[in-house]
PDB file of N, CA and C in Angstrom:
ATOM      1  N   UNK A   1      23.313   0.056-114.568  1.00  0.00           N
ATOM      2  CA  UNK A   1      23.864  -1.160-114.804  1.00  0.00           C
ATOM      3  C   UNK A   1      22.789  -2.378-114.808  1.00  0.00           C
ATOM      4  N   UNK A   2      22.852  -3.430-115.684  1.00  0.00           N
ATOM      5  CA  UNK A   2      22.367  -4.723-115.739  1.00  0.00           C
ATOM      6  C   UNK A   2      22.792  -5.588-114.737  1.00  0.00           C
ATOM      7  N   UNK A   3      21.915  -6.549-114.043  1.00  0.00           N
ATOM      8  CA  UNK A   3      22.451  -7.420-113.079  1.00  0.00           C
ATOM      9  C   UNK A   3      23.210  -8.446-113.792  1.00  0.00           C
ATOM     10  N   UNK A   4      24.352  -8.753-113.144  1.00  0.00           N
ATOM     11  CA  UNK A   4      24.959 -10.015-113.585  1.00  0.00           C
ATOM     12  C   UNK A   4      25.053 -10.921-112.635  1.00  0.00           C
ATOM     13  N   UNK A   5      24.807 -12.346-113.156  1.00  0.00           N
ATOM     14  CA  UNK A   5      24.576 -13.541-112.314  1.00  0.00           C
ATOM     15  C   UNK A   5      25.872 -13.751-111.425  1.00  0.00           C
ATOM     16  N   UNK A   6      26.157 -14.133-110.719  1.00  0.00           N
ATOM     17  CA  UNK A   6      27.134 -14.366-109.571  1.00  0.00           C
ATOM     18  C   UNK A   6      27.840 -15.547-110.494  1.00  0.00           C
ATOM     19  N   UNK A   7      27.394 -16.567-110.893  1.00  0.00           N
ATOM     20  CA  UNK A   7      28.439 -17.461-111.711  1.00  0.00           C
ATOM     21  C   UNK A   7      29.052 -16.813-112.983  1.00  0.00           C
ATOM     22  N   UNK A   8      28.334 -15.848-113.419  1.00  0.00           N
ATOM     23  CA  UNK A   8      29.022 -15.372-114.706  1.00  0.00           C
ATOM     24  C   UNK A   8      29.997 -14.175-114.358  1.00  0.00           C
ATOM     25  N   UNK A   9      30.030 -13.827-113.051  1.00  0.00           N
ATOM     26  CA  UNK A   9      31.090 -12.929-112.722  1.00  0.00           C
ATOM     27  C   UNK A   9      32.156 -13.710-112.313  1.00  0.00           C
ATOM     28  N   UNK A  10      32.132 -14.910-112.055  1.00  0.00           N
ATOM     29  CA  UNK A  10      33.316 -15.756-111.605  1.00  0.00           C
ATOM     30  C   UNK A  10      33.795 -16.290-112.940  1.00  0.00           C
ATOM     31  N   UNK A  11      32.999 -16.744-114.016  1.00  0.00           N
ATOM     32  CA  UNK A  11      33.580 -17.421-115.231  1.00  0.00           C
ATOM     33  C   UNK A  11      34.037 -16.493-116.264  1.00  0.00           C
ATOM     34  N   UNK A  12      33.196 -15.498-116.253  1.00  0.00           N
ATOM     35  CA  UNK A  12      33.841 -14.481-117.505  1.00  0.00           C
ATOM     36  C   UNK A  12      35.210 -13.968-117.443  1.00  0.00           C
ATOM     37  N   UNK A  13      35.588 -13.477-116.225  1.00  0.00           N
ATOM     38  CA  UNK A  13      36.755 -12.895-116.100  1.00  0.00           C
ATOM     39  C   UNK A  13      37.893 -13.751-116.153  1.00  0.00           C
ATOM     40  N   UNK A  14      37.756 -15.127-115.896  1.00  0.00           N
ATOM     41  CA  UNK A  14      38.935 -16.314-116.196  1.00  0.00           C
ATOM     42  C   UNK A  14      38.558 -16.581-117.840  1.00  0.00           C
ATOM     43  N   UNK A  15      37.731 -16.337-118.430  1.00  0.00           N
ATOM     44  CA  UNK A  15      37.619 -16.618-119.950  1.00  0.00           C
ATOM     45  C   UNK A  15      38.328 -15.351-120.582  1.00  0.00           C
ATOM     46  N   UNK A  16      38.291 -14.212-120.086  1.00  0.00           N
ATOM     47  CA  UNK A  16      38.923 -12.954-120.656  1.00  0.00           C
ATOM     48  C   UNK A  16      40.325 -13.253-120.561  1.00  0.00           C
ATOM     49  N   UNK A  17      40.592 -13.789-119.219  1.00  0.00           N
ATOM     50  CA  UNK A  17      42.266 -14.074-119.285  1.00  0.00           C
ATOM     51  C   UNK A  17      42.678 -14.953-120.039  1.00  0.00           C
ATOM     52  N   UNK A  18      41.913 -16.114-120.319  1.00  0.00           N
ATOM     53  CA  UNK A  18      42.585 -17.232-121.470  1.00  0.00           C
ATOM     54  C   UNK A  18      42.565 -16.503-122.589  1.00  0.00           C
ATOM     55  N   UNK A  19      41.541 -15.789-123.101  1.00  0.00           N
ATOM     56  CA  UNK A  19      41.566 -15.385-124.361  1.00  0.00           C
ATOM     57  C   UNK A  19      42.879 -14.048-124.526  1.00  0.00           C
ATOM     58  N   UNK A  20      43.015 -13.412-123.465  1.00  0.00           N
ATOM     59  CA  UNK A  20      43.867 -12.470-123.570  1.00  0.00           C
ATOM     60  C   UNK A  20      45.294 -13.086-123.179  1.00  0.00           C
ATOM     61  N   UNK A  21      45.610 -14.260-122.853  1.00  0.00           N
ATOM     62  CA  UNK A  21      47.032 -14.922-122.639  1.00  0.00           C
ATOM     63  C   UNK A  21      47.381 -14.532-121.221  1.00  0.00           C
ATOM     64  N   UNK A  22      46.675 -14.446-120.516  1.00  0.00           N
ATOM     65  CA  UNK A  22      47.012 -14.288-119.013  1.00  0.00           C
ATOM     66  C   UNK A  22      46.657 -15.489-118.081  1.00  0.00           C
ATOM     67  N   UNK A  23      47.549 -16.054-117.247  1.00  0.00           N
ATOM     68  CA  UNK A  23      47.628 -16.899-116.364  1.00  0.00           C
ATOM     69  C   UNK A  23      46.648 -16.716-114.997  1.00  0.00           C
ATOM     70  N   UNK A  24      46.695 -15.476-114.551  1.00  0.00           N
ATOM     71  CA  UNK A  24      46.019 -14.831-113.320  1.00  0.00           C
ATOM     72  C   UNK A  24      45.279 -13.741-113.603  1.00  0.00           C
ATOM     73  N   UNK A  25      44.122 -13.615-112.896  1.00  0.00           N
ATOM     74  CA  UNK A  25      43.225 -12.585-113.227  1.00  0.00           C
ATOM     75  C   UNK A  25      44.168 -11.045-112.661  1.00  0.00           C
ATOM     76  N   UNK A  26      44.851 -11.197-111.695  1.00  0.00           N
ATOM     77  CA  UNK A  26      45.783 -10.095-111.141  1.00  0.00           C
ATOM     78  C   UNK A  26      46.384  -9.627-112.284  1.00  0.00           C
ATOM     79  N   UNK A  27      47.046 -10.299-113.218  1.00  0.00           N
ATOM     80  CA  UNK A  27      47.774  -9.641-114.305  1.00  0.00           C
ATOM     81  C   UNK A  27      46.889  -8.931-115.065  1.00  0.00           C
ATOM     82  N   UNK A  28      45.790  -9.639-115.712  1.00  0.00           N
ATOM     83  CA  UNK A  28      44.964  -8.663-116.281  1.00  0.00           C
ATOM     84  C   UNK A  28      44.606  -7.448-115.893  1.00  0.00           C
ATOM     85  N   UNK A  29      44.081  -7.534-114.699  1.00  0.00           N
ATOM     86  CA  UNK A  29      43.489  -6.347-113.710  1.00  0.00           C
ATOM     87  C   UNK A  29      44.562  -5.314-113.922  1.00  0.00           C
ATOM     88  N   UNK A  30      45.950  -5.656-113.582  1.00  0.00           N
ATOM     89  CA  UNK A  30      47.050  -4.601-113.795  1.00  0.00           C
ATOM     90  C   UNK A  30      47.037  -3.795-115.168  1.00  0.00           C
ATOM     91  N   UNK A  31      46.894  -4.839-116.079  1.00  0.00           N
ATOM     92  CA  UNK A  31      47.146  -4.252-117.336  1.00  0.00           C
ATOM     93  C   UNK A  31      46.001  -3.350-117.866  1.00  0.00           C
ATOM     94  N   UNK A  32      44.849  -3.820-117.431  1.00  0.00           N
ATOM     95  CA  UNK A  32      43.564  -2.967-117.624  1.00  0.00           C
ATOM     96  C   UNK A  32      43.640  -1.697-116.814  1.00  0.00           C
ATOM     97  N   UNK A  33      44.382  -1.813-115.380  1.00  0.00           N
ATOM     98  CA  UNK A  33      43.992  -0.473-114.608  1.00  0.00           C
ATOM     99  C   UNK A  33      45.200   0.531-115.176  1.00  0.00           C
ATOM    100  N   UNK A  34      46.149  -0.126-115.952  1.00  0.00           N
ATOM    101  CA  UNK A  34      47.385   0.755-116.308  1.00  0.00           C
ATOM    102  C   UNK A  34      47.134   1.550-117.935  1.00  0.00           C
ATOM    103  N   UNK A  35      46.155   0.753-118.313  1.00  0.00           N
ATOM    104  CA  UNK A  35      45.754   1.431-119.780  1.00  0.00           C
ATOM    105  C   UNK A  35      45.235   2.657-119.764  1.00  0.00           C
ATOM    106  N   UNK A  36      45.619   3.565-120.757  1.00  0.00           N
ATOM    107  CA  UNK A  36      45.303   4.987-120.870  1.00  0.00           C
ATOM    108  C   UNK A  36      43.765   4.986-121.199  1.00  0.00           C
ATOM    109  N   UNK A  37      43.263   4.192-122.019  1.00  0.00           N
ATOM    110  CA  UNK A  37      41.958   4.785-122.433  1.00  0.00           C
ATOM    111  C   UNK A  37      40.932   3.433-122.795  1.00  0.00           C
ATOM    112  N   UNK A  38      41.673   2.198-123.031  1.00  0.00           N
ATOM    113  CA  UNK A  38      40.763   0.854-123.419  1.00  0.00           C
ATOM    114  C   UNK A  38      41.376  -0.165-122.708  1.00  0.00           C
ATOM    115  N   UNK A  39      40.262  -1.037-122.323  1.00  0.00           N
ATOM    116  CA  UNK A  39      40.921  -2.280-121.805  1.00  0.00           C
ATOM    117  C   UNK A  39      40.101  -3.214-122.128  1.00  0.00           C
ATOM    118  N   UNK A  40      40.329  -4.582-121.518  1.00  0.00           N
ATOM    119  CA  UNK A  40      39.553  -5.694-122.311  1.00  0.00           C
ATOM    120  C   UNK A  40      37.745  -5.762-121.717  1.00  0.00           C
ATOM    121  N   UNK A  41      37.113  -6.434-122.420  1.00  0.00           N
ATOM    122  CA  UNK A  41      35.810  -6.539-122.020  1.00  0.00           C
ATOM    123  C   UNK A  41      35.246  -7.811-122.827  1.00  0.00           C
ATOM    124  N   UNK A  42      34.181  -8.235-122.114  1.00  0.00           N
ATOM    125  CA  UNK A  42      33.717  -9.646-122.541  1.00  0.00           C
ATOM    126  C   UNK A  42      32.163  -9.553-122.239  1.00  0.00           C
ATOM    127  N   UNK A  43      31.221 -10.174-123.245  1.00  0.00           N
ATOM    128  CA  UNK A  43      29.791 -10.494-123.275  1.00  0.00           C
ATOM    129  C   UNK A  43      29.553 -11.186-122.303  1.00  0.00           C
ATOM    130  N   UNK A  44      28.791 -10.651-121.600  1.00  0.00           N
ATOM    131  CA  UNK A  44      28.197 -11.557-120.382  1.00  0.00           C
ATOM    132  C   UNK A  44      26.934 -12.363-120.825  1.00  0.00           C
ATOM    133  N   UNK A  45      26.496 -12.563-122.004  1.00  0.00           N
ATOM    134  CA  UNK A  45      25.493 -13.503-122.344  1.00  0.00           C
ATOM    135  C   UNK A  45      25.985 -14.956-122.329  1.00  0.00           C
ATOM    136  N   UNK A  46      25.018 -15.741-121.731  1.00  0.00           N
ATOM    137  CA  UNK A  46      25.643 -17.157-121.739  1.00  0.00           C
ATOM    138  C   UNK A  46      25.838 -17.684-122.877  1.00  0.00           C
ATOM    139  N   UNK A  47      27.110 -18.334-123.365  1.00  0.00           N
ATOM    140  CA  UNK A  47      27.373 -18.974-124.381  1.00  0.00           C
ATOM    141  C   UNK A  47      27.840 -18.127-125.479  1.00  0.00           C
ATOM    142  N   UNK A  48      28.068 -16.686-124.776  1.00  0.00           N
ATOM    143  CA  UNK A  48      28.769 -15.914-125.926  1.00  0.00           C
ATOM    144  C   UNK A  48      29.747 -15.122-125.271  1.00  0.00           C
ATOM    145  N   UNK A  49      31.086 -15.647-125.754  1.00  0.00           N
ATOM    146  CA  UNK A  49      32.348 -15.386-125.114  1.00  0.00           C
ATOM    147  C   UNK A  49      33.028 -14.049-125.975  1.00  0.00           C
ATOM    148  N   UNK A  50      32.287 -13.262-126.678  1.00  0.00           N
ATOM    149  CA  UNK A  50      32.770 -12.287-127.765  1.00  0.00           C
ATOM    150  C   UNK A  50      33.692 -11.263-126.678  1.00  0.00           C
ATOM    151  N   UNK A  51      34.743 -10.806-127.096  1.00  0.00           N
ATOM    152  CA  UNK A  51      35.643  -9.853-126.151  1.00  0.00           C
ATOM    153  C   UNK A  51      36.124  -8.799-126.906  1.00  0.00           C
ATOM    154  N   UNK A  52      36.320  -7.760-126.613  1.00  0.00           N
ATOM    155  CA  UNK A  52      36.687  -6.469-127.544  1.00  0.00           C
ATOM    156  C   UNK A  52      37.440  -5.617-126.431  1.00  0.00           C
ATOM    157  N   UNK A  53      38.069  -4.681-127.146  1.00  0.00           N
ATOM    158  CA  UNK A  53      38.912  -3.466-126.215  1.00  0.00           C
ATOM    159  C   UNK A  53      37.917  -2.338-126.088  1.00  0.00           C
ATOM    160  N   UNK A  54      37.387  -1.960-124.910  1.00  0.00           N
ATOM    161  CA  UNK A  54      36.302  -0.866-124.553  1.00  0.00           C
ATOM    162  C   UNK A  54      36.997   0.007-123.608  1.00  0.00           C
ATOM    163  N   UNK A  55      35.996   1.120-123.270  1.00  0.00           N
ATOM    164  CA  UNK A  55      36.317   1.990-122.389  1.00  0.00           C
ATOM    165  C   UNK A  55      36.261   1.235-120.853  1.00  0.00           C
ATOM    166  N   UNK A  56      37.344   1.718-120.076  1.00  0.00           N
ATOM    167  CA  UNK A  56      37.229   1.024-118.577  1.00  0.00           C
ATOM    168  C   UNK A  56      36.117   1.074-117.770  1.00  0.00           C
ATOM    169  N   UNK A  57      35.207   1.967-117.736  1.00  0.00           N
ATOM    170  CA  UNK A  57      33.928   2.042-117.062  1.00  0.00           C
ATOM    171  C   UNK A  57      32.812   1.559-118.097  1.00  0.00           C
ATOM    172  N   UNK A  58      32.935   0.711-118.856  1.00  0.00           N
ATOM    173  CA  UNK A  58      31.854   0.074-119.795  1.00  0.00           C
ATOM    174  C   UNK A  58      30.952  -0.961-118.886  1.00  0.00           C
ATOM    175  N   UNK A  59      29.690  -0.971-118.923  1.00  0.00           N
ATOM    176  CA  UNK A  59      28.830  -1.792-118.169  1.00  0.00           C
ATOM    177  C   UNK A  59      27.710  -2.504-119.127  1.00  0.00           C
ATOM    178  N   UNK A  60      27.517  -1.685-120.311  1.00  0.00           N
ATOM    179  CA  UNK A  60      26.232  -2.112-121.225  1.00  0.00           C
ATOM    180  C   UNK A  60      26.800  -2.053-122.519  1.00  0.00           C
ATOM    181  N   UNK A  61      28.051  -2.552-123.007  1.00  0.00           N
ATOM    182  CA  UNK A  61      28.497  -2.233-124.310  1.00  0.00           C
ATOM    183  C   UNK A  61      27.761  -3.221-125.342  1.00  0.00           C
ATOM    184  N   UNK A  62      27.675  -2.445-126.722  1.00  0.00           N
ATOM    185  CA  UNK A  62      27.004  -3.341-127.785  1.00  0.00           C
ATOM    186  C   UNK A  62      28.029  -4.916-128.154  1.00  0.00           C
ATOM    187  N   UNK A  63      27.522  -5.960-128.018  1.00  0.00           N
ATOM    188  CA  UNK A  63      28.219  -7.270-128.726  1.00  0.00           C
ATOM    189  C   UNK A  63      28.096  -7.421-129.937  1.00  0.00           C
ATOM    190  N   UNK A  64      29.099  -7.341-130.769  1.00  0.00           N
ATOM    191  CA  UNK A  64      28.786  -7.687-132.319  1.00  0.00           C
ATOM    192  C   UNK A  64      28.777  -8.947-132.552  1.00  0.00           C
ATOM    193  N   UNK A  65      28.715  -9.955-131.519  1.00  0.00           N
ATOM    194  CA  UNK A  65      28.434 -11.480-131.818  1.00  0.00           C
ATOM    195  C   UNK A  65      27.181 -11.562-131.560  1.00  0.00           C
ATOM    196  N   UNK A  66      26.498 -11.205-130.602  1.00  0.00           N
ATOM    197  CA  UNK A  66      25.015 -11.539-130.105  1.00  0.00           C
ATOM    198  C   UNK A  66      24.224 -10.866-130.344  1.00  0.00           C
ATOM    199  N   UNK A  67      24.772  -9.208-130.486  1.00  0.00           N
ATOM    200  CA  UNK A  67      23.672  -8.253-130.757  1.00  0.00           C
ATOM    201  C   UNK A  67      22.991  -7.711-129.294  1.00  0.00           C
ATOM    202  N   UNK A  68      23.185  -8.170-128.107  1.00  0.00           N
ATOM    203  CA  UNK A  68      22.990  -7.337-126.993  1.00  0.00           C
ATOM    204  C   UNK A  68      23.881  -6.340-126.626  1.00  0.00           C
ATOM    205  N   UNK A  69      23.196  -5.584-125.743  1.00  0.00           N
ATOM    206  CA  UNK A  69      23.964  -4.476-124.956  1.00  0.00           C
ATOM    207  C   UNK A  69      24.602  -4.998-123.671  1.00  0.00           C
ATOM    208  N   UNK A  70      25.554  -6.087-123.803  1.00  0.00           N
ATOM    209  CA  UNK A  70      26.069  -6.823-122.728  1.00  0.00           C
ATOM    210  C   UNK A  70      27.733  -7.099-122.778  1.00  0.00           C
ATOM    211  N   UNK A  71      28.473  -6.152-123.135  1.00  0.00           N
ATOM    212  CA  UNK A  71      29.761  -6.032-123.014  1.00  0.00           C
ATOM    213  C   UNK A  71      30.143  -5.361-121.552  1.00  0.00           C
ATOM    214  N   UNK A  72      30.883  -6.249-120.876  1.00  0.00           N
ATOM    215  CA  UNK A  72      31.362  -5.195-119.458  1.00  0.00           C
ATOM    216  C   UNK A  72      32.907  -5.376-119.648  1.00  0.00           C
ATOM    217  N   UNK A  73      33.254  -4.417-118.977  1.00  0.00           N
ATOM    218  CA  UNK A  73      34.928  -4.418-119.239  1.00  0.00           C
ATOM    219  C   UNK A  73      35.276  -5.090-117.878  1.00  0.00           C
ATOM    220  N   UNK A  74      36.478  -5.409-117.925  1.00  0.00           N
ATOM    221  CA  UNK A  74      37.143  -6.488-116.669  1.00  0.00           C
ATOM    222  C   UNK A  74      37.032  -5.520-115.550  1.00  0.00           C
ATOM    223  N   UNK A  75      37.482  -4.274-115.573  1.00  0.00           N
ATOM    224  CA  UNK A  75      37.406  -3.356-114.119  1.00  0.00           C
ATOM    225  C   UNK A  75      36.049  -3.318-113.760  1.00  0.00           C
ATOM    226  N   UNK A  76      34.738  -3.176-114.307  1.00  0.00           N
ATOM    227  CA  UNK A  76      33.620  -3.383-113.785  1.00  0.00           C
ATOM    228  C   UNK A  76      33.394  -4.649-113.336  1.00  0.00           C
ATOM    229  N   UNK A  77      33.725  -5.696-114.044  1.00  0.00           N
ATOM    230  CA  UNK A  77      33.483  -6.805-113.377  1.00  0.00           C
ATOM    231  C   UNK A  77      34.352  -7.365-112.178  1.00  0.00           C
ATOM    232  N   UNK A  78      35.338  -6.897-112.137  1.00  0.00           N
ATOM    233  CA  UNK A  78      36.058  -6.956-110.734  1.00  0.00           C
ATOM    234  C   UNK A  78      35.545  -6.060-109.612  1.00  0.00           C
ATOM    235  N   UNK A  79      34.646  -5.206-109.910  1.00  0.00           N
ATOM    236  CA  UNK A  79      34.380  -4.362-108.909  1.00  0.00           C
ATOM    237  C   UNK A  79      35.097  -3.137-108.715  1.00  0.00           C
ATOM    238  N   UNK A  80      36.229  -2.700-109.623  1.00  0.00           N
ATOM    239  CA  UNK A  80      37.167  -1.429-109.432  1.00  0.00           C
ATOM    240  C   UNK A  80      36.437  -0.415-109.897  1.00  0.00           C
ATOM    241  N   UNK A  81      35.411  -0.262-110.617  1.00  0.00           N
ATOM    242  CA  UNK A  81      34.564   0.908-111.132  1.00  0.00           C
ATOM    243  C   UNK A  81      33.083   0.498-110.976  1.00  0.00           C
TER     244      UNK A  81
END
């Protein structure tokens, strides 16, 4: 897994909550944990907030917006996986 800056670990999950329509991270994490095969993921590149539905254990997925292998699932960001 690539190294994720601490500041991005805090900002990106909240951005994902905003995009997905959740007020609290706990609600988004519950949805992601209960999903059978896909969960929300976000690009960790600074300035790119591309989101997608990906595998729950994704830590280096391809971002269609910036072209990097920088998509990370919310469950990985939260340290559940």
